């Protein structure tokens, strides 16, 4: 049972997509169905007021998890419980009431805003949809307040999205997400399409809003440097599975999983400390034909026969968080080398 401070609980969630060729082609060519396991048994919890970041290479399933949590996809297996309510078991009217409590910020600010709508209408849409304003004057005042909160002017409500820069558009997206007074925001790589200097501004804005309104974030990113500034805890994904979850400080000072060590080694060492690095070797396997056992074993320098045969389970580690790795479990990795 979830504790009182747990806002979101994801349990053994999986999502499969049928990417087969048309039926007639498969019959004529003698091909079987092709099923893509985008997410394969992911479990985690997020407590109120914290930020859990999911990181990993492109195609590892991070964005699919985000869409599953927001209800844009239906899980093939598992449960998603928001504030004690199983999202798959509630009636549509109750689900509508829950939806205003969580919102999503999308990756591309150029694609996520309707170019034919003025900014005021874009931000006002969730307010109108959920009946949060009774008069036009109240609606206008609320839109102006939201624009001010994200560092824009109430006068910007009369402009179109094309009149703004990428960073300003993402601020508009954040204002729209906040318009229904949510408790929980799913942020799908909200800074990846922005310049580095603008990324810092958006991250600082999100941290300020979190402190002001007590928001809870699920933050999706492929950039560990970005994650280090905003996350409370970090979950590392590989080929649809979570391989490590730990506090942000421990992920960066004492990563356990070999894949986490490789990701950390890829961050530029601006201080030229000369510390030992673990090079990122090999390529991500084809998700349509994943390796047996541990999905990371073809790229892992510590892999043995057990890794090739048996899928590791997530275990609690006395040094740091949770990890799914036979080599760590058996003590075959000296974790001090990454400290």
Protein backbone atom coordinates (compact mmCIF):
# COMPACT_ATOMS: atom_id res chain seq x y z
CA UNK A 1 0.00 0.00 0.00
CA UNK A 2 1.30 3.49 -0.86
CA UNK A 3 2.48 5.74 1.93
CA UNK A 4 0.81 9.11 2.56
CA UNK A 5 3.67 11.00 0.95
CA UNK A 6 3.66 8.93 -2.24
CA UNK A 7 1.91 10.77 -5.08
CA UNK A 8 2.60 8.40 -7.99
CA UNK A 9 3.28 4.67 -7.95
CA UNK A 10 4.18 2.84 -11.17
CA UNK A 11 4.21 -0.94 -10.75
CA UNK A 12 5.55 -3.39 -13.36
CA UNK A 13 4.32 -1.24 -16.26
CA UNK A 14 4.92 -2.47 -19.80
CA UNK A 15 3.93 -1.12 -23.20
CA UNK A 16 4.06 -3.11 -26.42
CA UNK A 17 3.51 -1.82 -29.95
CA UNK A 18 2.60 -3.97 -32.94
CA UNK A 19 5.01 -2.78 -35.65
CA UNK A 20 4.29 -5.66 -38.04
CA UNK A 21 3.97 -5.21 -41.77
CA UNK A 22 0.43 -5.40 -43.25
CA UNK A 23 -1.27 -8.80 -42.93
CA UNK A 24 -1.13 -9.62 -46.65
CA UNK A 25 2.61 -8.86 -46.84
CA UNK A 26 3.27 -11.13 -43.89
CA UNK A 27 1.26 -13.97 -45.42
CA UNK A 28 2.99 -13.70 -48.79
CA UNK A 29 6.48 -13.38 -47.31
CA UNK A 30 5.96 -15.84 -44.46
CA UNK A 31 6.74 -13.32 -41.71
CA UNK A 32 5.55 -13.37 -38.10
CA UNK A 33 4.17 -10.43 -36.19
CA UNK A 34 6.76 -8.00 -34.83
CA UNK A 35 6.11 -6.70 -31.32
CA UNK A 36 8.17 -3.82 -29.95
CA UNK A 37 8.53 -3.80 -26.16
CA UNK A 38 9.03 -0.07 -25.65
CA UNK A 39 8.67 -0.38 -21.86
CA UNK A 40 9.26 -3.74 -20.22
CA UNK A 41 8.35 -3.94 -16.53
CA UNK A 42 9.17 -0.53 -15.04
CA UNK A 43 8.43 0.21 -11.38
CA UNK A 44 9.07 3.38 -9.36
CA UNK A 45 7.42 5.80 -6.94
CA UNK A 46 7.46 9.59 -6.75
CA UNK A 47 6.87 11.37 -3.45
CA UNK A 48 5.10 14.70 -3.13
CA UNK A 49 7.32 17.71 -3.82
CA UNK A 50 10.24 15.77 -5.30
CA UNK A 51 11.63 15.44 -8.83
CA UNK A 52 12.35 12.01 -10.27
CA UNK A 53 14.35 12.15 -13.49
CA UNK A 54 14.44 9.29 -15.99
CA UNK A 55 17.59 9.29 -18.14
CA UNK A 56 19.02 7.11 -20.86
CA UNK A 57 19.92 6.97 -24.52
CA UNK A 58 17.39 7.71 -27.26
CA UNK A 59 14.92 4.86 -27.72
CA UNK A 60 15.20 3.50 -24.18
CA UNK A 61 11.52 4.13 -23.41
CA UNK A 62 11.68 7.34 -21.35
CA UNK A 63 9.10 9.28 -23.35
CA UNK A 64 6.82 6.24 -23.53
CA UNK A 65 6.82 6.11 -19.72
CA UNK A 66 5.88 9.81 -19.68
CA UNK A 67 2.95 9.22 -22.02
CA UNK A 68 1.81 6.20 -20.03
CA UNK A 69 1.78 8.23 -16.81
CA UNK A 70 -0.25 11.00 -18.49
CA UNK A 71 -2.75 8.55 -19.95
CA UNK A 72 -1.81 9.20 -23.58
CA UNK A 73 -0.97 5.49 -23.86
CA UNK A 74 -2.69 2.53 -22.16
CA UNK A 75 -0.31 0.09 -20.43
CA UNK A 76 -0.07 -3.42 -21.85
CA UNK A 77 0.65 -4.62 -18.31
CA UNK A 78 1.00 -3.20 -14.82
CA UNK A 79 -0.66 -0.38 -12.88
CA UNK A 80 -0.26 3.38 -12.51
CA UNK A 81 -1.62 4.70 -9.22
CA UNK A 82 -1.99 8.46 -8.76
CA UNK A 83 -2.67 9.61 -5.19
CA UNK A 84 -4.06 6.17 -4.29
CA UNK A 85 -6.28 5.87 -7.38
CA UNK A 86 -5.55 3.23 -10.03
CA UNK A 87 -5.84 5.14 -13.32
CA UNK A 88 -7.00 2.05 -15.23
CA UNK A 89 -9.91 1.32 -12.88
CA UNK A 90 -11.64 4.72 -12.53
CA UNK A 91 -14.71 5.88 -14.41
CA UNK A 92 -14.31 8.48 -17.16
CA UNK A 93 -15.92 11.30 -15.13
CA UNK A 94 -13.64 10.63 -12.15
CA UNK A 95 -10.63 10.40 -14.47
CA UNK A 96 -11.48 13.84 -15.87
CA UNK A 97 -11.38 15.26 -12.35
CA UNK A 98 -7.97 13.65 -11.79
CA UNK A 99 -6.53 14.90 -15.07
CA UNK A 100 -6.54 18.54 -14.02
CA UNK A 101 -4.20 17.57 -11.18
CA UNK A 102 -1.42 16.56 -13.58
CA UNK A 103 -0.20 18.11 -16.83
CA UNK A 104 2.54 17.51 -19.38
CA UNK A 105 5.22 19.78 -20.84
CA UNK A 106 6.33 18.53 -24.24
CA UNK A 107 9.79 18.47 -25.76
CA UNK A 108 9.37 20.73 -28.80
CA UNK A 109 7.96 24.21 -28.04
CA UNK A 110 7.63 24.80 -31.79
CA UNK A 111 5.29 21.83 -32.28
CA UNK A 112 3.31 21.81 -29.02
CA UNK A 113 1.61 25.21 -29.46
CA UNK A 114 -1.20 25.79 -31.95
CA UNK A 115 0.23 28.35 -34.42
CA UNK A 116 -3.26 29.67 -35.27
CA UNK A 117 -4.23 30.50 -31.71
CA UNK A 118 -3.17 33.54 -29.76
CA UNK A 119 -1.19 32.84 -26.59
CA UNK A 120 -4.08 33.89 -24.37
CA UNK A 121 -6.38 31.28 -25.91
CA UNK A 122 -3.69 28.59 -25.66
CA UNK A 123 -3.24 29.18 -21.93
CA UNK A 124 -6.96 29.64 -21.29
CA UNK A 125 -8.02 26.36 -22.90
CA UNK A 126 -7.42 24.13 -19.81
CA UNK A 127 -9.02 26.76 -17.56
CA UNK A 128 -12.17 26.77 -19.67
CA UNK A 129 -12.16 22.99 -20.11
CA UNK A 130 -12.09 22.37 -16.36
CA UNK A 131 -14.46 25.25 -15.50
CA UNK A 132 -11.92 27.10 -13.35
CA UNK A 133 -13.06 30.61 -14.36
CA UNK A 134 -16.64 31.86 -14.37
CA UNK A 135 -16.33 35.20 -16.20
CA UNK A 136 -14.29 36.52 -19.11
CA UNK A 137 -12.62 39.10 -16.84
CA UNK A 138 -11.60 36.37 -14.39
CA UNK A 139 -10.23 34.29 -17.25
CA UNK A 140 -8.20 37.21 -18.62
CA UNK A 141 -6.80 38.01 -15.17
CA UNK A 142 -5.78 34.38 -14.64
CA UNK A 143 -4.01 34.22 -18.02
CA UNK A 144 -2.13 37.45 -17.23
CA UNK A 145 -1.13 36.07 -13.83
CA UNK A 146 0.22 32.88 -15.38
CA UNK A 147 2.24 34.79 -17.98
CA UNK A 148 3.76 36.92 -15.23
CA UNK A 149 4.65 33.83 -13.18
CA UNK A 150 6.69 32.39 -16.06
CA UNK A 151 8.55 35.64 -16.74
CA UNK A 152 6.44 37.04 -19.60
CA UNK A 153 4.08 40.01 -19.84
CA UNK A 154 0.26 39.89 -19.69
CA UNK A 155 0.36 41.86 -22.97
CA UNK A 156 1.86 38.78 -24.64
CA UNK A 157 -1.57 37.13 -24.49
CA UNK A 158 -2.55 38.90 -27.73
CA UNK A 159 0.44 37.59 -29.69
CA UNK A 160 0.87 34.40 -31.74
CA UNK A 161 3.47 31.69 -30.96
CA UNK A 162 5.62 32.58 -34.01
CA UNK A 163 6.38 35.95 -32.43
CA UNK A 164 8.38 34.30 -29.63
CA UNK A 165 11.76 32.60 -29.32
CA UNK A 166 12.12 28.93 -28.38
CA UNK A 167 12.71 29.71 -24.72
CA UNK A 168 9.72 32.04 -24.58
CA UNK A 169 7.54 29.39 -26.23
CA UNK A 170 8.55 26.88 -23.59
CA UNK A 171 7.58 29.43 -20.93
CA UNK A 172 4.17 29.62 -22.60
CA UNK A 173 3.97 25.81 -22.49
CA UNK A 174 4.77 25.91 -18.77
CA UNK A 175 2.08 28.57 -18.21
CA UNK A 176 -0.44 26.39 -20.04
CA UNK A 177 0.56 23.40 -17.91
CA UNK A 178 0.07 25.44 -14.71
CA UNK A 179 -3.30 26.83 -15.77
CA UNK A 180 -5.33 23.98 -14.23
CA UNK A 181 -3.53 24.32 -10.86
CA UNK A 182 -1.86 20.89 -11.12
CA UNK A 183 0.11 19.11 -8.41
CA UNK A 184 2.16 16.95 -10.77
CA UNK A 185 3.97 17.83 -14.01
CA UNK A 186 5.41 15.34 -16.49
CA UNK A 187 8.25 17.09 -18.32
CA UNK A 188 9.32 15.29 -21.50
CA UNK A 189 12.79 16.72 -22.28
CA UNK A 190 11.52 20.31 -21.90
CA UNK A 191 14.95 21.88 -22.49
CA UNK A 192 16.51 19.63 -25.15
CA UNK A 193 15.44 21.88 -28.07
CA UNK A 194 16.82 25.03 -26.44
CA UNK A 195 20.21 26.74 -26.32
CA UNK A 196 22.35 26.00 -23.27
CA UNK A 197 21.89 29.48 -21.75
CA UNK A 198 18.12 29.26 -22.23
CA UNK A 199 18.10 25.76 -20.74
CA UNK A 200 19.47 27.18 -17.49
CA UNK A 201 16.76 29.86 -17.41
CA UNK A 202 13.98 27.32 -17.91
CA UNK A 203 15.41 24.95 -15.29
CA UNK A 204 15.69 27.80 -12.77
CA UNK A 205 12.11 28.81 -13.54
CA UNK A 206 10.89 25.24 -12.97
CA UNK A 207 12.74 25.02 -9.65
CA UNK A 208 11.26 28.36 -8.53
CA UNK A 209 7.75 27.24 -9.47
CA UNK A 210 8.26 23.95 -7.64
CA UNK A 211 9.22 25.79 -4.46
CA UNK A 212 6.35 28.27 -4.80
CA UNK A 213 3.55 25.81 -5.56
CA UNK A 214 4.88 22.56 -4.08
CA UNK A 215 4.91 20.84 -7.47
CA UNK A 216 6.03 17.28 -8.11
CA UNK A 217 7.94 16.51 -11.33
CA UNK A 218 8.64 13.48 -13.48
CA UNK A 219 11.51 14.84 -15.58
CA UNK A 220 12.55 13.02 -18.75
CA UNK A 221 16.02 13.75 -20.14
CA UNK A 222 18.99 12.22 -21.94
CA UNK A 223 21.32 14.85 -20.45
CA UNK A 224 22.84 13.97 -17.09
CA UNK A 225 24.24 17.48 -16.69
CA UNK A 226 20.71 18.91 -16.86
CA UNK A 227 19.38 16.26 -14.49
CA UNK A 228 22.01 17.11 -11.87
CA UNK A 229 20.53 20.60 -11.45
CA UNK A 230 16.85 19.70 -11.00
CA UNK A 231 16.37 16.08 -9.88
CA UNK A 232 15.93 14.77 -6.36
CA UNK A 233 16.32 11.16 -7.52
CA UNK A 234 17.42 9.65 -10.82
CA UNK A 235 16.26 6.50 -12.59
CA UNK A 236 18.50 5.18 -15.36
CA UNK A 237 16.73 3.34 -18.22
CA UNK A 238 18.15 0.97 -20.78
CA UNK A 239 16.15 -0.76 -23.53
CA UNK A 240 12.80 -0.32 -21.78
CA UNK A 241 13.96 -1.30 -18.31
CA UNK A 242 15.17 0.54 -15.22
CA UNK A 243 18.72 -0.48 -14.31
CA UNK A 244 19.37 1.88 -11.38
CA UNK A 245 17.50 4.30 -9.11
CA UNK A 246 19.24 6.45 -6.50
CA UNK A 247 19.49 9.93 -5.02
CA UNK A 248 20.99 12.40 -7.48
CA UNK A 249 24.12 12.96 -5.40
CA UNK A 250 24.81 9.22 -5.19
CA UNK A 251 24.23 8.69 -8.91
CA UNK A 252 26.92 11.25 -9.66
CA UNK A 253 29.39 10.34 -6.92
CA UNK A 254 28.93 6.56 -6.70
CA UNK A 255 27.15 5.07 -9.73
CA UNK A 256 26.68 1.31 -9.40
CA UNK A 257 25.50 -0.01 -12.76
CA UNK A 258 28.12 -0.20 -15.56
CA UNK A 259 25.73 1.63 -17.88
CA UNK A 260 25.33 4.49 -15.39
CA UNK A 261 29.12 4.69 -15.15
CA UNK A 262 29.35 4.91 -18.93
CA UNK A 263 26.76 7.70 -19.07
CA UNK A 264 28.60 9.64 -16.40
CA UNK A 265 31.92 9.20 -18.21
CA UNK A 266 30.37 10.80 -21.29
CA UNK A 267 29.93 14.11 -19.41
CA UNK A 268 32.81 16.49 -20.37
CA UNK A 269 35.33 16.87 -17.55
CA UNK A 270 35.77 20.66 -17.58
CA UNK A 271 37.98 20.61 -14.49
CA UNK A 272 40.48 18.22 -16.15
CA UNK A 273 40.67 16.07 -13.02
CA UNK A 274 42.22 13.15 -14.89
CA UNK A 275 39.83 10.65 -13.28
CA UNK A 276 39.44 7.23 -14.86
CA UNK A 277 36.70 7.02 -17.49
CA UNK A 278 34.58 4.13 -18.71
CA UNK A 279 34.15 4.57 -22.48
CA UNK A 280 30.69 4.05 -23.99
CA UNK A 281 31.24 0.94 -26.09
CA UNK A 282 29.02 -0.70 -28.69
CA UNK A 283 25.54 0.25 -29.83
CA UNK A 284 22.05 -0.14 -28.41
CA UNK A 285 20.67 -3.53 -29.53
CA UNK A 286 17.69 -3.79 -31.84
CA UNK A 287 14.62 -3.46 -29.54
CA UNK A 288 12.69 -5.82 -31.85
CA UNK A 289 15.23 -8.53 -31.02
CA UNK A 290 16.61 -7.72 -27.56
CA UNK A 291 19.41 -9.79 -26.01
CA UNK A 292 18.58 -12.60 -23.63
CA UNK A 293 19.26 -12.16 -19.93
CA UNK A 294 20.55 -8.70 -19.05
CA UNK A 295 19.86 -6.39 -22.01
CA UNK A 296 23.15 -4.56 -21.38
CA UNK A 297 25.41 -7.62 -21.43
CA UNK A 298 26.65 -7.18 -25.07
CA UNK A 299 28.19 -3.82 -24.08
CA UNK A 300 29.18 -4.61 -20.50
CA UNK A 301 32.84 -5.25 -19.61
CA UNK A 302 31.76 -7.24 -16.53
CA UNK A 303 29.29 -9.62 -18.23
CA UNK A 304 29.51 -13.37 -17.63
CA UNK A 305 27.40 -16.39 -18.52
CA UNK A 306 24.76 -15.61 -15.88
CA UNK A 307 24.34 -12.11 -17.36
CA UNK A 308 23.75 -13.61 -20.81
CA UNK A 309 21.21 -16.10 -19.50
CA UNK A 310 19.31 -14.54 -16.57
CA UNK A 311 17.53 -11.20 -16.38
CA UNK A 312 18.60 -9.30 -13.23
CA UNK A 313 15.98 -8.11 -10.75
CA UNK A 314 16.06 -4.72 -9.06
CA UNK A 315 17.67 -5.10 -5.63
CA UNK A 316 18.36 -2.75 -2.73
CA UNK A 317 22.07 -1.98 -2.43
CA UNK A 318 23.53 -1.02 0.96
CA UNK A 319 25.83 1.56 -0.63
CA UNK A 320 23.36 3.38 -2.87
CA UNK A 321 19.73 3.05 -3.96
CA UNK A 322 18.47 0.22 -6.16
CA UNK A 323 20.26 -1.54 -9.00
CA UNK A 324 19.55 -4.38 -11.43
CA UNK A 325 22.95 -5.93 -12.10
CA UNK A 326 24.36 -9.40 -11.43
CA UNK A 327 27.92 -8.05 -11.30
CA UNK A 328 27.02 -5.57 -8.56
CA UNK A 329 25.02 -8.20 -6.66
CA UNK A 330 27.95 -10.65 -6.77
CA UNK A 331 30.56 -8.01 -5.92
CA UNK A 332 32.35 -8.32 -9.26
CA UNK A 333 32.43 -4.50 -9.69
CA UNK A 334 34.58 -2.27 -7.55
CA UNK A 335 32.22 0.68 -7.24
CA UNK A 336 34.98 2.85 -5.76
CA UNK A 337 36.48 3.32 -9.20
CA UNK A 338 33.55 5.59 -10.11
CA UNK A 339 33.53 7.56 -6.87
